[in-house]
Amino acid sequence: MPFSKVLKSFLFISVLWVIGFSVHAQSTSQKNNTWPKQAIRIVVTFTPGGAPDILARVLAEDWQQNLGVPVLVENRPGYGGNIGADLVAKSDPDGYTLLIGTVGIHAINGALYEKISYDPAKDFTPISFLASTPNVLIVNKKLGVNNLHELIELAKAKPDQLTFGSSGVGTSLHMSGELFKQIAGVQIRHIPYKGRAQSLPDLLSGRISMLFDNLSSSLALIKAGEVQALGVTTLKRSHAAPEIPTLAEQGLAGFEAVSWFSLMAPANLPPDIQKRLNQMVRQTLSNPNVKSKLLAGGLDPAPGSPKDLSKLIASEASKWGKVVQQSGAKLE
């Protein structure tokens, strides 16, 4: 075949390939730009009523009004958040299955569990930081202690006899208790629950001595006088309850344990959907009515970039990995 014909054939095939690639790229872009076409589900790894559930429902309510598709909240509690996290990690990266990420899932479980079925860093696409809340140490009023000093004295007088509950092994609430034991030099037994819906009745009945909970979840009970709050776990007092002192100012220098929440998707989420979701989070949490309600309930909304969220996760994983190691805690 003459060289001129070979060249023409080559050029013809090349043109067809370029056209085909352009059509495919345009089709893919159009497909992503039309998201969402179906119901979106937001997976919460705890029982209803806690801070992550509250945030999920705030997003779901606002998005459903603006997107024209159902936005469902699905509670998948248990195994320190691993059950729900695994479900999302193994879902299609199409923007229809999302996760309320927690410090436990993304910064603690990797160090705490011998084996987990997902990679806390590699198996998720970061969308945005959502909000943070102090944890708070609350006790049964019949325990007979009125402040942190009295609690520490009682715990030292009765090693391993007092108990503290949390909403699950590996959560920031569990780690708050472990950090408390380390800094205060006391021995108290950890009683894990699937969520505060199970732990709170046991605290009120006296089956457990104390509970580390999100301030946003316990604030109403504290103000109603049903439980005694001994301190918050942040370095500064909470604007939502400035009357509650910090554990740090009561002698536990440097004590800081913040529960934070984020929005995550499965790994390899298309960048345009990631960007759209980030914009949606910012719009919802920047709404003055939404923001004021969350602040009044002890949650501090602070949406940000995916890059900033990734940096936070890396920093928190380093911090809590050391706490886990020092506590000696390890789970299969």
Protein backbone atom coordinates (compact mmCIF):
# COMPACT_ATOMS: atom_id res chain seq x y z
CA MET A 1 0.00 0.00 0.00
CA PRO A 2 1.39 3.42 -0.91
CA PHE A 3 2.62 5.51 1.99
CA SER A 4 0.08 8.26 1.27
CA LYS A 5 -2.82 5.82 1.75
CA VAL A 6 -1.28 4.48 4.98
CA LEU A 7 -0.96 8.03 6.26
CA LYS A 8 -4.57 8.86 5.36
CA SER A 9 -5.81 5.69 7.11
CA PHE A 10 -3.80 6.54 10.20
CA LEU A 11 -5.13 10.08 10.29
CA PHE A 12 -8.71 8.84 9.79
CA ILE A 13 -8.40 6.37 12.69
CA SER A 14 -6.82 9.04 14.89
CA VAL A 15 -9.69 11.43 14.20
CA LEU A 16 -12.24 8.73 15.05
CA TRP A 17 -10.40 7.97 18.31
CA VAL A 18 -10.33 11.65 19.33
CA ILE A 19 -14.03 12.04 18.53
CA GLY A 20 -14.87 8.89 20.49
CA PHE A 21 -12.84 10.00 23.50
CA SER A 22 -14.45 13.45 23.45
CA VAL A 23 -17.95 11.97 23.31
CA HIS A 24 -17.13 9.64 26.22
CA ALA A 25 -15.70 12.47 28.31
CA GLN A 26 -18.69 14.66 27.56
CA SER A 27 -21.06 11.81 28.43
CA THR A 28 -19.26 11.21 31.74
CA SER A 29 -19.29 14.92 32.57
CA GLN A 30 -22.99 15.20 31.77
CA LYS A 31 -23.70 12.15 33.88
CA ASN A 32 -21.91 13.63 36.90
CA ASN A 33 -23.40 17.07 36.33
CA THR A 34 -26.89 15.61 36.57
CA TRP A 35 -26.22 14.19 40.04
CA PRO A 36 -28.31 13.49 41.99
CA LYS A 37 -30.87 11.38 40.12
CA GLN A 38 -31.91 9.09 42.99
CA ALA A 39 -32.16 8.90 46.75
CA ILE A 40 -29.08 9.73 48.82
CA ARG A 41 -28.42 7.94 52.09
CA ILE A 42 -26.31 9.27 54.93
CA VAL A 43 -24.99 6.50 57.17
CA VAL A 44 -24.64 7.23 60.89
CA THR A 45 -22.62 4.74 62.90
CA PHE A 46 -24.49 5.35 66.17
CA THR A 47 -28.06 5.09 67.42
CA PRO A 48 -30.46 8.02 66.90
CA GLY A 49 -30.30 11.07 69.15
CA GLY A 50 -26.56 11.72 69.36
CA ALA A 51 -24.51 14.46 67.73
CA PRO A 52 -23.67 12.58 64.48
CA ASP A 53 -27.35 11.69 64.04
CA ILE A 54 -28.39 15.30 64.63
CA LEU A 55 -25.94 16.55 61.99
CA ALA A 56 -27.04 13.92 59.46
CA ARG A 57 -30.67 14.92 59.86
CA VAL A 58 -29.87 18.62 59.55
CA LEU A 59 -28.14 17.93 56.22
CA ALA A 60 -30.86 15.55 55.06
CA GLU A 61 -33.70 17.96 55.76
CA ASP A 62 -32.03 20.87 53.99
CA TRP A 63 -30.82 18.86 51.00
CA GLN A 64 -34.12 17.13 50.43
CA GLN A 65 -35.83 20.49 50.11
CA ASN A 66 -33.27 21.74 47.59
CA LEU A 67 -32.32 18.67 45.55
CA GLY A 68 -35.69 17.20 44.72
CA VAL A 69 -34.67 13.66 45.71
CA PRO A 70 -35.12 11.77 48.99
CA VAL A 71 -32.23 12.07 51.45
CA LEU A 72 -32.35 9.28 54.01
CA VAL A 73 -30.53 8.85 57.32
CA GLU A 74 -29.56 5.26 58.04
CA ASN A 75 -28.34 4.31 61.52
CA ARG A 76 -25.84 1.43 61.53
CA PRO A 77 -24.48 1.29 65.10
CA GLY A 78 -22.02 -1.17 66.59
CA TYR A 79 -18.41 -2.32 66.66
CA GLY A 80 -17.05 1.14 67.41
CA GLY A 81 -18.44 2.55 64.16
CA ASN A 82 -16.81 -0.14 62.04
CA ILE A 83 -20.07 -1.67 60.79
CA GLY A 84 -21.35 1.53 59.20
CA ALA A 85 -17.90 2.62 58.03
CA ASP A 86 -17.32 -0.70 56.28
CA LEU A 87 -20.68 -0.44 54.54
CA VAL A 88 -19.83 2.97 53.09
CA ALA A 89 -16.23 2.03 52.23
CA LYS A 90 -17.52 -0.84 50.09
CA SER A 91 -20.28 1.18 48.39
CA ASP A 92 -20.07 2.58 44.87
CA PRO A 93 -18.32 5.98 44.72
CA ASP A 94 -21.26 7.68 43.05
CA GLY A 95 -22.32 10.19 45.70
CA TYR A 96 -25.41 8.25 46.77
CA THR A 97 -23.94 6.68 49.92
CA LEU A 98 -22.25 8.99 52.41
CA LEU A 99 -20.89 8.66 55.93
CA ILE A 100 -20.88 10.87 58.98
CA GLY A 101 -17.22 10.42 59.81
CA THR A 102 -16.02 10.54 63.41
CA VAL A 103 -12.73 10.82 65.26
CA GLY A 104 -13.24 7.19 66.29
CA ILE A 105 -13.58 5.84 62.77
CA HIS A 106 -10.83 7.87 61.15
CA ALA A 107 -8.32 8.52 63.94
CA ILE A 108 -8.71 5.83 66.62
CA ASN A 109 -9.93 2.52 65.24
CA GLY A 110 -6.89 1.98 63.05
CA ALA A 111 -4.70 1.85 66.17
CA LEU A 112 -7.21 0.12 68.44
CA TYR A 113 -8.32 -2.85 66.35
CA GLU A 114 -5.99 -5.67 65.32
CA LYS A 115 -7.90 -6.02 62.06
CA ILE A 116 -10.58 -3.87 60.49
CA SER A 117 -12.17 -4.48 57.12
CA TYR A 118 -11.51 -0.99 55.76
CA ASP A 119 -8.64 1.46 55.64
CA PRO A 120 -9.63 4.60 57.64
CA ALA A 121 -7.55 6.83 55.33
CA LYS A 122 -7.46 5.20 51.90
CA ASP A 123 -11.03 3.92 51.61
CA PHE A 124 -12.78 7.28 51.87
CA THR A 125 -13.03 10.55 49.98
CA PRO A 126 -13.09 13.54 52.35
CA ILE A 127 -15.91 16.00 51.71
CA SER A 128 -15.94 18.48 54.58
CA PHE A 129 -15.52 18.94 58.30
CA LEU A 130 -18.98 19.37 59.81
CA ALA A 131 -18.81 20.31 63.48
CA SER A 132 -17.18 19.62 66.82
CA THR A 133 -18.46 19.36 70.37
CA PRO A 134 -16.77 19.03 73.73
CA ASN A 135 -17.21 15.78 75.54
CA VAL A 136 -18.52 16.07 79.07
CA LEU A 137 -18.05 13.91 82.15
CA ILE A 138 -21.40 13.35 83.84
CA VAL A 139 -22.13 11.26 86.93
CA ASN A 140 -25.14 9.75 88.60
CA LYS A 141 -26.29 12.23 91.24
CA LYS A 142 -26.52 9.42 93.81
CA LEU A 143 -22.78 8.76 93.46
CA GLY A 144 -22.26 11.44 96.09
CA VAL A 145 -19.60 13.54 94.35
CA ASN A 146 -19.99 17.21 93.55
CA ASN A 147 -16.76 17.96 91.72
CA LEU A 148 -13.86 16.33 89.91
CA HIS A 149 -11.61 16.28 92.99
CA GLU A 150 -14.17 14.25 94.96
CA LEU A 151 -14.58 11.82 92.06
CA ILE A 152 -10.84 11.19 91.79
CA GLU A 153 -10.60 10.63 95.56
CA LEU A 154 -13.46 8.12 95.40
CA ALA A 155 -11.94 6.31 92.41
CA LYS A 156 -8.58 6.01 94.17
CA ALA A 157 -10.28 4.67 97.30
CA LYS A 158 -12.17 2.10 95.24
CA PRO A 159 -9.89 0.95 92.39
CA ASP A 160 -11.73 -0.89 89.60
CA GLN A 161 -15.06 -0.53 91.40
CA LEU A 162 -16.30 2.55 89.58
CA THR A 163 -17.39 2.27 85.96
CA PHE A 164 -17.60 4.67 83.04
CA GLY A 165 -19.78 4.21 80.00
CA SER A 166 -19.33 5.39 76.45
CA SER A 167 -21.14 5.04 73.16
CA GLY A 168 -18.73 2.37 71.97
CA VAL A 169 -15.22 1.01 72.03
CA GLY A 170 -12.81 3.25 70.16
CA THR A 171 -15.03 6.32 70.17
CA SER A 172 -13.68 9.65 71.37
CA LEU A 173 -15.90 9.14 74.41
CA HIS A 174 -14.10 5.89 75.22
CA MET A 175 -10.73 7.54 74.65
CA SER A 176 -11.78 10.45 76.88
CA GLY A 177 -12.17 7.91 79.67
CA GLU A 178 -8.81 6.30 78.91
CA LEU A 179 -7.12 9.71 78.89
CA PHE A 180 -8.85 10.52 82.20
CA LYS A 181 -7.49 7.33 83.74
CA GLN A 182 -3.97 8.11 82.55
CA ILE A 183 -3.83 11.74 83.70
CA ALA A 184 -5.80 11.31 86.95
CA GLY A 185 -4.03 8.06 87.85
CA VAL A 186 -7.21 6.10 88.59
CA GLN A 187 -8.53 2.67 87.69
CA ILE A 188 -12.13 2.63 86.48
CA ARG A 189 -13.76 0.01 84.29
CA HIS A 190 -15.04 0.82 80.82
CA ILE A 191 -18.56 -0.32 79.88
CA PRO A 192 -19.16 0.12 76.12
CA TYR A 193 -22.60 0.60 74.59
CA LYS A 194 -23.90 0.86 71.03
CA GLY A 195 -24.98 4.43 71.69
CA ARG A 196 -26.21 6.87 74.29
CA ALA A 197 -29.74 5.48 73.94
CA GLN A 198 -28.47 2.43 75.82
CA SER A 199 -25.87 4.02 78.12
CA LEU A 200 -27.94 6.90 79.47
CA PRO A 201 -30.65 4.79 81.17
CA ASP A 202 -27.92 2.81 82.92
CA LEU A 203 -26.33 6.02 84.18
CA LEU A 204 -29.67 7.36 85.44
CA SER A 205 -30.44 4.06 87.20
CA GLY A 206 -26.99 3.87 88.77
CA ARG A 207 -25.82 0.74 86.95
CA ILE A 208 -22.76 2.70 85.82
CA SER A 209 -21.01 5.39 87.85
CA MET A 210 -20.24 7.94 85.17
CA LEU A 211 -20.51 8.57 81.47
CA PHE A 212 -18.48 10.46 78.91
CA ASP A 213 -20.95 11.92 76.43
CA ASN A 214 -21.06 14.63 73.78
CA LEU A 215 -22.06 17.87 75.46
CA SER A 216 -24.56 18.48 72.66
CA SER A 217 -26.35 15.25 73.60
CA SER A 218 -26.37 15.72 77.40
CA LEU A 219 -26.94 19.46 77.66
CA ALA A 220 -30.70 19.24 78.20
CA LEU A 221 -30.32 16.63 80.96
CA ILE A 222 -27.59 18.67 82.65
CA LYS A 223 -29.69 21.84 82.65
CA ALA A 224 -32.72 19.89 83.90
CA GLY A 225 -30.65 18.68 86.87
CA GLU A 226 -31.04 15.00 86.05
CA VAL A 227 -27.29 14.36 85.96
CA GLN A 228 -24.26 16.05 87.51
CA ALA A 229 -21.74 17.51 85.07
CA LEU A 230 -18.18 17.54 86.46
CA GLY A 231 -16.28 18.98 83.52
CA VAL A 232 -15.90 19.39 79.78
CA THR A 233 -12.97 17.88 77.90
CA THR A 234 -11.86 20.95 75.94
CA LEU A 235 -9.17 23.41 77.03
CA LYS A 236 -11.71 26.24 77.07
CA ARG A 237 -15.21 26.28 78.50
CA SER A 238 -18.06 25.78 76.06
CA HIS A 239 -20.08 28.81 75.01
CA ALA A 240 -23.16 26.59 75.25
CA ALA A 241 -22.56 25.86 78.95
CA PRO A 242 -19.97 28.28 80.34
CA GLU A 243 -20.89 27.32 83.90
CA ILE A 244 -19.29 23.86 83.45
CA PRO A 245 -15.54 24.01 84.19
CA THR A 246 -12.98 22.20 82.06
CA LEU A 247 -11.20 19.13 83.37
CA ALA A 248 -7.92 20.89 82.62
CA GLU A 249 -8.64 23.86 84.88
CA GLN A 250 -9.53 21.47 87.71
CA GLY A 251 -6.10 19.92 87.83
CA LEU A 252 -5.89 17.63 84.79
CA ALA A 253 -3.43 19.83 82.91
CA GLY A 254 -3.51 19.48 79.14
CA PHE A 255 -6.63 17.32 79.09
CA GLU A 256 -8.26 17.75 75.69
CA ALA A 257 -10.59 15.39 73.85
CA VAL A 258 -12.94 16.80 71.23
CA SER A 259 -15.58 14.87 69.34
CA TRP A 260 -15.63 15.98 65.73
CA PHE A 261 -17.72 14.94 62.78
CA SER A 262 -17.19 15.05 59.04
CA LEU A 263 -18.86 14.06 55.80
CA MET A 264 -17.12 11.28 53.89
CA ALA A 265 -17.78 9.27 50.73
CA PRO A 266 -16.26 6.06 49.36
CA ALA A 267 -12.81 6.39 47.81
CA ASN A 268 -12.54 7.52 44.18
CA LEU A 269 -15.58 9.78 44.24
CA PRO A 270 -15.61 11.90 41.06
CA PRO A 271 -14.09 15.33 41.83
CA ASP A 272 -17.11 17.22 40.51
CA ILE A 273 -19.45 15.40 42.92
CA GLN A 274 -16.98 15.93 45.76
CA LYS A 275 -16.96 19.65 44.98
CA ARG A 276 -20.77 19.78 44.77
CA LEU A 277 -21.17 18.02 48.11
CA ASN A 278 -18.66 20.34 49.75
CA GLN A 279 -20.58 23.36 48.47
CA MET A 280 -23.84 21.85 49.77
CA VAL A 281 -22.36 21.31 53.25
CA ARG A 282 -21.06 24.88 53.36
CA GLN A 283 -24.42 26.26 52.28
CA THR A 284 -26.38 24.27 54.87
CA LEU A 285 -24.10 24.92 57.84
CA SER A 286 -23.71 28.59 56.97
CA ASN A 287 -27.46 29.13 57.16
CA PRO A 288 -27.94 31.47 60.16
CA ASN A 289 -30.92 29.51 61.51
CA VAL A 290 -29.14 26.17 61.25
CA LYS A 291 -25.93 27.56 62.74
CA SER A 292 -27.67 29.18 65.73
CA LYS A 293 -29.57 25.99 66.55
CA LEU A 294 -26.42 23.87 66.42
CA LEU A 295 -24.47 26.35 68.56
CA ALA A 296 -27.24 26.46 71.15
CA GLY A 297 -27.13 22.68 71.30
CA GLY A 298 -23.38 22.55 71.95
CA LEU A 299 -22.25 21.85 68.38
CA ASP A 300 -19.81 24.21 66.69
CA PRO A 301 -20.29 24.03 62.88
CA ALA A 302 -17.15 24.74 60.85
CA PRO A 303 -17.32 23.46 57.26
CA GLY A 304 -14.03 23.48 55.39
CA SER A 305 -12.09 22.08 52.46
CA PRO A 306 -11.38 18.39 51.81
CA LYS A 307 -7.66 19.16 52.10
CA ASP A 308 -8.05 20.66 55.57
CA LEU A 309 -10.10 17.64 56.66
CA SER A 310 -7.37 15.27 55.47
CA LYS A 311 -4.78 17.19 57.50
CA LEU A 312 -6.96 17.04 60.62
CA ILE A 313 -7.46 13.29 60.28
CA ALA A 314 -3.70 12.70 60.00
CA SER A 315 -3.00 14.86 63.06
CA GLU A 316 -5.72 13.25 65.17
CA ALA A 317 -4.65 9.73 64.17
CA SER A 318 -1.15 10.49 65.44
CA LYS A 319 -2.45 11.89 68.75
CA TRP A 320 -4.94 9.16 69.56
CA GLY A 321 -2.67 6.39 68.35
CA LYS A 322 -0.34 7.30 71.22
CA VAL A 323 -3.21 7.29 73.74
CA VAL A 324 -4.30 3.85 72.55
CA GLN A 325 -0.75 2.55 72.80
CA GLN A 326 -0.29 3.91 76.33
CA SER A 327 -3.64 2.49 77.45
CA GLY A 328 -2.70 -0.97 76.24
CA ALA A 329 -6.14 -1.37 74.67
CA LYS A 330 -6.32 -3.72 71.69
CA LEU A 331 -9.33 -5.36 70.08
CA GLU A 332 -9.75 -8.05 67.45
